[in-house]
C-alpha atoms as a PDB file:
ATOM      1  CA  MET A   1      15.504  13.881  50.463  1.00  0.00           C
ATOM      2  CA  GLU A   2      12.881  14.978  47.827  1.00  0.00           C
ATOM      3  CA  SER A   3      13.413  13.895  44.474  1.00  0.00           C
ATOM      4  CA  ALA A   4      14.248  16.717  41.717  1.00  0.00           C
ATOM      5  CA  GLU A   5      11.229  17.604  39.347  1.00  0.00           C
ATOM      6  CA  CYS A   6      12.071  15.903  36.174  1.00  0.00           C
ATOM      7  CA  HIS A   7      10.532  16.768  32.685  1.00  0.00           C
ATOM      8  CA  PHE A   8      10.507  14.180  29.755  1.00  0.00           C
ATOM      9  CA  GLY A   9      12.007  17.243  27.469  1.00  0.00           C
ATOM     10  CA  LYS A  10      14.875  17.574  29.752  1.00  0.00           C
ATOM     11  CA  LEU A  11      15.938  13.736  29.509  1.00  0.00           C
ATOM     12  CA  SER A  12      19.097  13.374  27.295  1.00  0.00           C
ATOM     13  CA  PRO A  13      18.361  12.527  23.464  1.00  0.00           C
ATOM     14  CA  GLU A  14      19.480   9.167  23.894  1.00  0.00           C
ATOM     15  CA  LEU A  15      16.958   8.205  26.631  1.00  0.00           C
ATOM     16  CA  ARG A  16      14.194  10.017  24.555  1.00  0.00           C
ATOM     17  CA  ASN A  17      14.907   7.965  21.594  1.00  0.00           C
ATOM     18  CA  GLU A  18      14.995   4.861  23.585  1.00  0.00           C
ATOM     19  CA  VAL A  19      11.433   5.820  24.832  1.00  0.00           C
ATOM     20  CA  TYR A  20      10.318   6.708  21.106  1.00  0.00           C
ATOM     21  CA  SER A  21      11.617   3.206  19.861  1.00  0.00           C
ATOM     22  CA  HIS A  22       8.941   1.504  22.150  1.00  0.00           C
ATOM     23  CA  LEU A  23       6.034   3.530  21.222  1.00  0.00           C
ATOM     24  CA  LEU A  24       6.479   4.106  17.440  1.00  0.00           C
ATOM     25  CA  PRO A  25       6.060   1.432  14.577  1.00  0.00           C
ATOM     26  CA  GLU A  26       9.067   0.112  12.972  1.00  0.00           C
ATOM     27  CA  ASN A  27       9.857  -1.683   9.723  1.00  0.00           C
ATOM     28  CA  ARG A  28       6.049  -1.986   9.116  1.00  0.00           C
ATOM     29  CA  THR A  29       3.930  -1.275   6.236  1.00  0.00           C
ATOM     30  CA  ILE A  30       1.528   1.708   6.931  1.00  0.00           C
ATOM     31  CA  ARG A  31      -1.450   2.462   4.867  1.00  0.00           C
ATOM     32  CA  LEU A  32      -2.159   6.179   4.247  1.00  0.00           C
ATOM     33  CA  LEU A  33      -5.622   6.030   3.414  1.00  0.00           C
ATOM     34  CA  PRO A  34      -8.490   3.389   4.243  1.00  0.00           C
ATOM     35  CA  HIS A  35      -9.582   1.217   1.835  1.00  0.00           C
ATOM     36  CA  THR A  36     -12.301   2.782  -0.738  1.00  0.00           C
ATOM     37  CA  LEU A  37     -15.678   1.153  -0.055  1.00  0.00           C
ATOM     38  CA  PRO A  38     -18.934   1.212  -2.287  1.00  0.00           C
ATOM     39  CA  HIS A  39     -21.110   4.050  -2.060  1.00  0.00           C
ATOM     40  CA  ALA A  40     -23.648   1.850  -0.057  1.00  0.00           C
ATOM     41  CA  LEU A  41     -21.274   0.852   2.468  1.00  0.00           C
ATOM     42  CA  SER A  42     -19.322   4.143   2.638  1.00  0.00           C
ATOM     43  CA  SER A  43     -21.082   4.843   5.819  1.00  0.00           C
ATOM     44  CA  ARG A  44     -19.794   1.655   7.603  1.00  0.00           C
ATOM     45  CA  SER A  45     -17.025   2.404   9.988  1.00  0.00           C
ATOM     46  CA  GLN A  46     -13.698   1.037   9.043  1.00  0.00           C
ATOM     47  CA  SER A  47     -10.839  -0.059  10.980  1.00  0.00           C
ATOM     48  CA  PHE A  48      -8.079   2.180  10.280  1.00  0.00           C
ATOM     49  CA  ASP A  49      -5.400   3.395  12.678  1.00  0.00           C
ATOM     50  CA  PRO A  50      -4.173   6.937  12.266  1.00  0.00           C
ATOM     51  CA  VAL A  51      -0.913   7.060  10.469  1.00  0.00           C
ATOM     52  CA  GLN A  52       0.523   9.232  13.313  1.00  0.00           C
ATOM     53  CA  PRO A  53       0.245   7.619  16.672  1.00  0.00           C
ATOM     54  CA  PRO A  54      -0.459   9.692  19.547  1.00  0.00           C
ATOM     55  CA  ILE A  55       2.955  10.092  20.641  1.00  0.00           C
ATOM     56  CA  THR A  56       3.440  12.370  17.760  1.00  0.00           C
ATOM     57  CA  ARG A  57       0.868  14.656  19.005  1.00  0.00           C
ATOM     58  CA  VAL A  58       2.018  15.499  22.411  1.00  0.00           C
ATOM     59  CA  CYS A  59       3.898  18.806  21.613  1.00  0.00           C
ATOM     60  CA  ARG A  60       5.903  20.452  19.020  1.00  0.00           C
ATOM     61  CA  GLN A  61       9.154  19.335  20.525  1.00  0.00           C
ATOM     62  CA  ILE A  62       8.215  15.483  20.602  1.00  0.00           C
ATOM     63  CA  ARG A  63       6.463  15.732  17.242  1.00  0.00           C
ATOM     64  CA  SER A  64       9.611  17.208  15.626  1.00  0.00           C
ATOM     65  CA  GLU A  65      11.685  14.324  17.103  1.00  0.00           C
ATOM     66  CA  THR A  66       9.317  11.578  16.435  1.00  0.00           C
ATOM     67  CA  LYS A  67       8.225  12.322  12.984  1.00  0.00           C
ATOM     68  CA  PRO A  68      11.529  11.671  11.161  1.00  0.00           C
ATOM     69  CA  MET A  69      11.644   8.346  12.916  1.00  0.00           C
ATOM     70  CA  LEU A  70       8.287   7.222  12.022  1.00  0.00           C
ATOM     71  CA  TYR A  71       8.539   8.131   8.267  1.00  0.00           C
ATOM     72  CA  GLY A  72      12.064   7.187   8.054  1.00  0.00           C
ATOM     73  CA  ASN A  73      11.613   3.500   9.561  1.00  0.00           C
ATOM     74  CA  ASN A  74       8.596   2.388   7.823  1.00  0.00           C
ATOM     75  CA  LYS A  75       6.905   1.728   4.404  1.00  0.00           C
ATOM     76  CA  PHE A  76       3.926   4.014   3.451  1.00  0.00           C
ATOM     77  CA  VAL A  77       1.460   2.774   0.959  1.00  0.00           C
ATOM     78  CA  LEU A  78      -1.254   4.357  -1.184  1.00  0.00           C
ATOM     79  CA  PRO A  79      -3.685   1.401  -1.571  1.00  0.00           C
ATOM     80  CA  LEU A  80      -5.684   1.264  -4.476  1.00  0.00           C
ATOM     81  CA  THR A  81      -9.112  -0.642  -4.523  1.00  0.00           C
ATOM     82  CA  THR A  82      -9.707  -2.946  -7.481  1.00  0.00           C
ATOM     83  CA  HIS A  83     -12.240  -5.328  -6.054  1.00  0.00           C
ATOM     84  CA  ASP A  84     -15.518  -5.182  -4.018  1.00  0.00           C
ATOM     85  CA  GLY A  85     -14.562  -7.479  -1.177  1.00  0.00           C
ATOM     86  CA  GLY A  86     -10.755  -7.792  -1.355  1.00  0.00           C
ATOM     87  CA  HIS A  87      -8.886 -10.110  -3.436  1.00  0.00           C
ATOM     88  CA  GLY A  88     -11.744 -12.713  -3.573  1.00  0.00           C
ATOM     89  CA  GLY A  89     -14.175 -10.303  -4.797  1.00  0.00           C
ATOM     90  CA  HIS A  90     -15.237  -9.161  -8.218  1.00  0.00           C
ATOM     91  CA  TYR A  91     -13.164  -6.485 -10.183  1.00  0.00           C
ATOM     92  CA  SER A  92     -15.060  -3.132  -9.837  1.00  0.00           C
ATOM     93  CA  PRO A  93     -14.013  -0.416 -12.446  1.00  0.00           C
ATOM     94  CA  GLY A  94     -15.920   2.077 -10.409  1.00  0.00           C
ATOM     95  CA  LEU A  95     -14.153   1.177  -7.133  1.00  0.00           C
ATOM     96  CA  PHE A  96     -10.936   1.788  -9.044  1.00  0.00           C
ATOM     97  CA  ARG A  97     -11.702   5.153 -10.203  1.00  0.00           C
ATOM     98  CA  LEU A  98     -12.791   6.330  -6.776  1.00  0.00           C
ATOM     99  CA  SER A  99      -9.739   5.166  -5.014  1.00  0.00           C
ATOM    100  CA  ILE A 100      -7.891   6.875  -7.465  1.00  0.00           C
ATOM    101  CA  SER A 101      -9.981  10.049  -7.155  1.00  0.00           C
ATOM    102  CA  GLU A 102      -8.881   9.632  -3.109  1.00  0.00           C
ATOM    103  CA  ALA A 103      -5.557   8.882  -3.965  1.00  0.00           C
ATOM    104  CA  ALA A 104      -5.185  11.994  -5.901  1.00  0.00           C
ATOM    105  CA  ALA A 105      -6.682  14.152  -3.155  1.00  0.00           C
ATOM    106  CA  TRP A 106      -4.184  13.062  -0.775  1.00  0.00           C
ATOM    107  CA  LEU A 107      -1.204  13.934  -3.364  1.00  0.00           C
ATOM    108  CA  LYS A 108      -2.468  17.310  -3.510  1.00  0.00           C
ATOM    109  CA  ARG A 109      -2.631  17.694   0.094  1.00  0.00           C
ATOM    110  CA  ASN A 110       0.934  16.217   0.250  1.00  0.00           C
ATOM    111  CA  PRO A 111       3.286  17.313  -2.545  1.00  0.00           C
ATOM    112  CA  VAL A 112       6.441  15.764  -2.381  1.00  0.00           C
ATOM    113  CA  ASP A 113       8.036  19.202  -1.276  1.00  0.00           C
ATOM    114  CA  ARG A 114       5.952  18.769   1.852  1.00  0.00           C
ATOM    115  CA  SER A 115       5.349  15.265   2.388  1.00  0.00           C
ATOM    116  CA  PRO A 116       6.856  13.683   5.557  1.00  0.00           C
ATOM    117  CA  VAL A 117       7.349  10.498   3.719  1.00  0.00           C
ATOM    118  CA  ARG A 118      11.141  10.012   3.148  1.00  0.00           C
ATOM    119  CA  ALA A 119      10.986   6.460   1.507  1.00  0.00           C
ATOM    120  CA  PRO A 120       9.806   6.233  -2.050  1.00  0.00           C
ATOM    121  CA  LEU A 121       5.827   6.476  -1.870  1.00  0.00           C
ATOM    122  CA  VAL A 122       4.225   3.187  -2.672  1.00  0.00           C
ATOM    123  CA  ILE A 123       1.109   2.985  -4.621  1.00  0.00           C
ATOM    124  CA  ALA A 124      -0.175  -0.582  -4.653  1.00  0.00           C
ATOM    125  CA  PHE A 125      -3.165  -2.576  -5.895  1.00  0.00           C
ATOM    126  CA  ASP A 126      -3.976  -5.962  -7.278  1.00  0.00           C
ATOM    127  CA  LEU A 127      -4.806  -6.953 -10.728  1.00  0.00           C
ATOM    128  CA  LYS A 128      -5.858  -9.984 -12.725  1.00  0.00           C
ATOM    129  CA  ARG A 129      -5.136  -8.777 -16.224  1.00  0.00           C
ATOM    130  CA  TRP A 130      -4.559  -5.374 -17.920  1.00  0.00           C
ATOM    131  CA  ARG A 131      -7.837  -4.054 -19.722  1.00  0.00           C
ATOM    132  CA  GLN A 132      -6.799  -0.882 -21.731  1.00  0.00           C
ATOM    133  CA  GLY A 133     -10.263   0.607 -22.015  1.00  0.00           C
ATOM    134  CA  VAL A 134     -10.597  -0.150 -18.189  1.00  0.00           C
ATOM    135  CA  GLN A 135      -7.412   0.687 -16.319  1.00  0.00           C
ATOM    136  CA  ALA A 136      -5.454   3.118 -18.513  1.00  0.00           C
ATOM    137  CA  GLU A 137      -7.735   6.231 -17.998  1.00  0.00           C
ATOM    138  CA  PRO A 138      -7.700   6.074 -14.181  1.00  0.00           C
ATOM    139  CA  LEU A 139      -4.113   5.120 -14.112  1.00  0.00           C
ATOM    140  CA  ASN A 140      -3.046   8.086 -16.378  1.00  0.00           C
ATOM    141  CA  LYS A 141      -5.115  10.447 -13.939  1.00  0.00           C
ATOM    142  CA  LEU A 142      -3.130   9.026 -11.112  1.00  0.00           C
ATOM    143  CA  CYS A 143       0.064   9.530 -12.935  1.00  0.00           C
ATOM    144  CA  SER A 144      -0.799  13.085 -14.008  1.00  0.00           C
ATOM    145  CA  ALA A 145      -1.657  13.962 -10.083  1.00  0.00           C
ATOM    146  CA  LEU A 146       1.775  12.538  -9.286  1.00  0.00           C
ATOM    147  CA  ARG A 147       3.602  14.415 -11.647  1.00  0.00           C
ATOM    148  CA  GLU A 148       1.561  17.701 -10.753  1.00  0.00           C
ATOM    149  CA  ASN A 149       2.407  17.323  -7.221  1.00  0.00           C
ATOM    150  CA  GLY A 150       6.231  16.587  -7.675  1.00  0.00           C
ATOM    151  CA  TYR A 151       6.373  13.043  -7.861  1.00  0.00           C
ATOM    152  CA  SER A 152       8.559  10.919 -10.020  1.00  0.00           C
ATOM    153  CA  GLU A 153       9.995   7.518 -10.383  1.00  0.00           C
ATOM    154  CA  ASP A 154      12.801   8.720  -8.211  1.00  0.00           C
ATOM    155  CA  ASN A 155      10.185   9.240  -5.141  1.00  0.00           C
ATOM    156  CA  SER A 156       7.604   6.840  -5.905  1.00  0.00           C
ATOM    157  CA  VAL A 157       6.904   3.264  -7.068  1.00  0.00           C
ATOM    158  CA  PHE A 158       4.023   1.197  -8.130  1.00  0.00           C
ATOM    159  CA  GLU A 159       3.619  -2.366  -6.555  1.00  0.00           C
ATOM    160  CA  VAL A 160       1.166  -4.389  -8.614  1.00  0.00           C
ATOM    161  CA  PHE A 161       0.205  -7.735  -7.262  1.00  0.00           C
ATOM    162  CA  VAL A 162      -0.948  -9.864 -10.141  1.00  0.00           C
ATOM    163  CA  TYR A 163      -2.908 -12.955  -9.495  1.00  0.00           C
ATOM    164  CA  GLY A 164      -4.444 -16.057 -11.343  1.00  0.00           C
ATOM    165  CA  ASP A 165      -7.699 -17.992 -10.815  1.00  0.00           C
ATOM    166  CA  TRP A 166      -8.112 -20.634  -7.974  1.00  0.00           C
ATOM    167  CA  PRO A 167      -9.140 -23.998  -9.353  1.00  0.00           C
ATOM    168  CA  PRO A 168     -10.695 -25.359  -6.085  1.00  0.00           C
ATOM    169  CA  ASN A 169     -13.263 -22.498  -6.657  1.00  0.00           C
ATOM    170  CA  GLY A 170     -14.448 -24.307  -9.795  1.00  0.00           C
ATOM    171  CA  CYS A 171     -12.271 -22.133 -12.178  1.00  0.00           C
ATOM    172  CA  LYS A 172     -11.823 -24.228 -15.403  1.00  0.00           C
ATOM    173  CA  ARG A 173      -9.019 -21.902 -16.660  1.00  0.00           C
ATOM    174  CA  PHE A 174      -5.674 -22.548 -15.126  1.00  0.00           C
ATOM    175  CA  PHE A 175      -3.145 -19.660 -15.096  1.00  0.00           C
ATOM    176  CA  SER A 176       0.606 -21.127 -14.841  1.00  0.00           C
ATOM    177  CA  LYS A 177       3.276 -19.343 -13.347  1.00  0.00           C
ATOM    178  CA  GLY A 178       4.700 -18.113 -16.842  1.00  0.00           C
ATOM    179  CA  SER A 179       1.320 -16.897 -17.870  1.00  0.00           C
ATOM    180  CA  LEU A 180       1.305 -14.471 -14.487  1.00  0.00           C
ATOM    181  CA  LYS A 181       4.970 -13.665 -15.540  1.00  0.00           C
ATOM    182  CA  ARG A 182       3.513 -12.292 -18.995  1.00  0.00           C
ATOM    183  CA  ARG A 183       0.587 -10.754 -17.377  1.00  0.00           C
ATOM    184  CA  ALA A 184       2.962  -8.790 -14.682  1.00  0.00           C
ATOM    185  CA  ALA A 185       5.348  -7.698 -17.416  1.00  0.00           C
ATOM    186  CA  THR A 186       2.379  -6.071 -19.526  1.00  0.00           C
ATOM    187  CA  ILE A 187       1.119  -4.361 -16.300  1.00  0.00           C
ATOM    188  CA  SER A 188       4.767  -3.200 -15.485  1.00  0.00           C
ATOM    189  CA  GLN A 189       5.288  -1.971 -19.256  1.00  0.00           C
ATOM    190  CA  LYS A 190       1.786   0.239 -19.164  1.00  0.00           C
ATOM    191  CA  ILE A 191       2.944   2.042 -16.153  1.00  0.00           C
ATOM    192  CA  ARG A 192       6.369   2.531 -17.211  1.00  0.00           C
ATOM    193  CA  GLU A 193       5.141   4.077 -20.098  1.00  0.00           C
ATOM    194  CA  SER A 194       3.701   6.828 -18.114  1.00  0.00           C
ATOM    195  CA  GLY A 195       6.913   7.490 -16.476  1.00  0.00           C
ATOM    196  CA  PHE A 196       6.916   5.676 -13.391  1.00  0.00           C
ATOM    197  CA  ARG A 197       8.614   2.725 -12.088  1.00  0.00           C
ATOM    198  CA  CYS A 198       6.488  -0.683 -11.283  1.00  0.00           C
ATOM    199  CA  GLU A 199       7.672  -3.627  -9.409  1.00  0.00           C
ATOM    200  CA  PRO A 200       5.157  -6.292 -10.231  1.00  0.00           C
ATOM    201  CA  ARG A 201       4.501  -9.278  -7.757  1.00  0.00           C
ATOM    202  CA  TYR A 202       2.799 -12.306  -9.349  1.00  0.00           C
ATOM    203  CA  TYR A 203       0.998 -14.973  -7.196  1.00  0.00           C
ATOM    204  CA  GLY A 204      -1.584 -17.516  -8.037  1.00  0.00           C
ATOM    205  CA  LEU A 205      -4.276 -20.060  -6.895  1.00  0.00           C
ATOM    206  CA  SER A 206      -5.080 -17.863  -3.856  1.00  0.00           C
ATOM    207  CA  THR A 207      -3.413 -19.300  -0.680  1.00  0.00           C
ATOM    208  CA  PHE A 208      -1.908 -22.007  -2.879  1.00  0.00           C
ATOM    209  CA  GLU A 209       1.895 -22.312  -3.807  1.00  0.00           C
ATOM    210  CA  TRP A 210       2.982 -22.591  -7.320  1.00  0.00           C
ATOM    211  CA  ALA A 211       2.103 -26.095  -8.481  1.00  0.00           C
ATOM    212  CA  SER A 212       1.323 -28.187 -11.390  1.00  0.00           C
ATOM    213  CA  GLN A 213      -2.415 -28.344 -12.593  1.00  0.00           C
ATOM    214  CA  SER A 214      -2.717 -31.505 -10.924  1.00  0.00           C
ATOM    215  CA  GLU A 215      -0.888 -30.752  -7.503  1.00  0.00           C
ATOM    216  CA  TYR A 216      -1.925 -27.826  -5.273  1.00  0.00           C
ATOM    217  CA  THR A 217       0.091 -27.460  -1.974  1.00  0.00           C
ATOM    218  CA  PRO A 218      -1.447 -25.085   0.599  1.00  0.00           C
ATOM    219  CA  ALA A 219       0.754 -22.054   1.279  1.00  0.00           C
ATOM    220  CA  LYS A 220       2.475 -22.003   4.602  1.00  0.00           C
ATOM    221  CA  ASP A 221       2.003 -18.365   5.563  1.00  0.00           C
ATOM    222  CA  GLY A 222      -1.270 -17.532   3.464  1.00  0.00           C
ATOM    223  CA  HIS A 223      -2.093 -14.211   1.554  1.00  0.00           C
ATOM    224  CA  SER A 224      -0.403 -11.656   3.960  1.00  0.00           C
ATOM    225  CA  ALA A 225       3.001 -13.246   3.831  1.00  0.00           C
ATOM    226  CA  VAL A 226       2.656 -13.668  -0.058  1.00  0.00           C
ATOM    227  CA  LEU A 227       1.676 -10.095  -0.718  1.00  0.00           C
ATOM    228  CA  GLY A 228       4.258  -8.716   1.921  1.00  0.00           C
ATOM    229  CA  ILE A 229       1.858  -5.884   2.487  1.00  0.00           C
ATOM    230  CA  GLU A 230      -0.217  -5.744   5.846  1.00  0.00           C
ATOM    231  CA  GLY A 231      -3.768  -4.910   5.235  1.00  0.00           C
ATOM    232  CA  LEU A 232      -4.371  -4.915   1.699  1.00  0.00           C
ATOM    233  CA  GLN A 233      -6.742  -7.740   1.832  1.00  0.00           C
END
């Protein structure tokens, strides 16, 4: 007896959703843009997976069924580059401004009424301290781009990771937990003054947990666990 021909689109919605669940990411943090590189390295290829996996591009029907699952079950982040080499590098105002320009261009292409992202859009970056003359202007530009494209505190949020020095690297100045809290509060206030929500995170001593100045205990899970955002390093 010959088996009847079966097309994927003719399967029940329950079976199709079961297949999609194995092919789509879930409860993941997904970057919407690659990290910004210095001009000297801009031609270097980066490891950046497309936001939409191949299954979403098979046909119109599958795309319409998978996009709500993709964008409804994950966290989407616009990462801003602040350092030339990740958290361990030097702060770079030029890279910060360039990454904000790239984020503003993304917002223009994806205004809130056409954006597939369902959960609040997350704008994430790390910072050691607030410098009014350095960070204020580019961040004001980004907040303007957010407002111009329909984003507000209701559908977007800033996540700022505030960190201190790492004494094992020879830094003589130690930033206590209280000091980092105050820094985080200052940065959060500046962003809220622009009309947007800010959820500051603070961590110190690089991969070290909170400790007294004379006691340093290596963290169990390292940076990625502390940050809670994949790929921001």
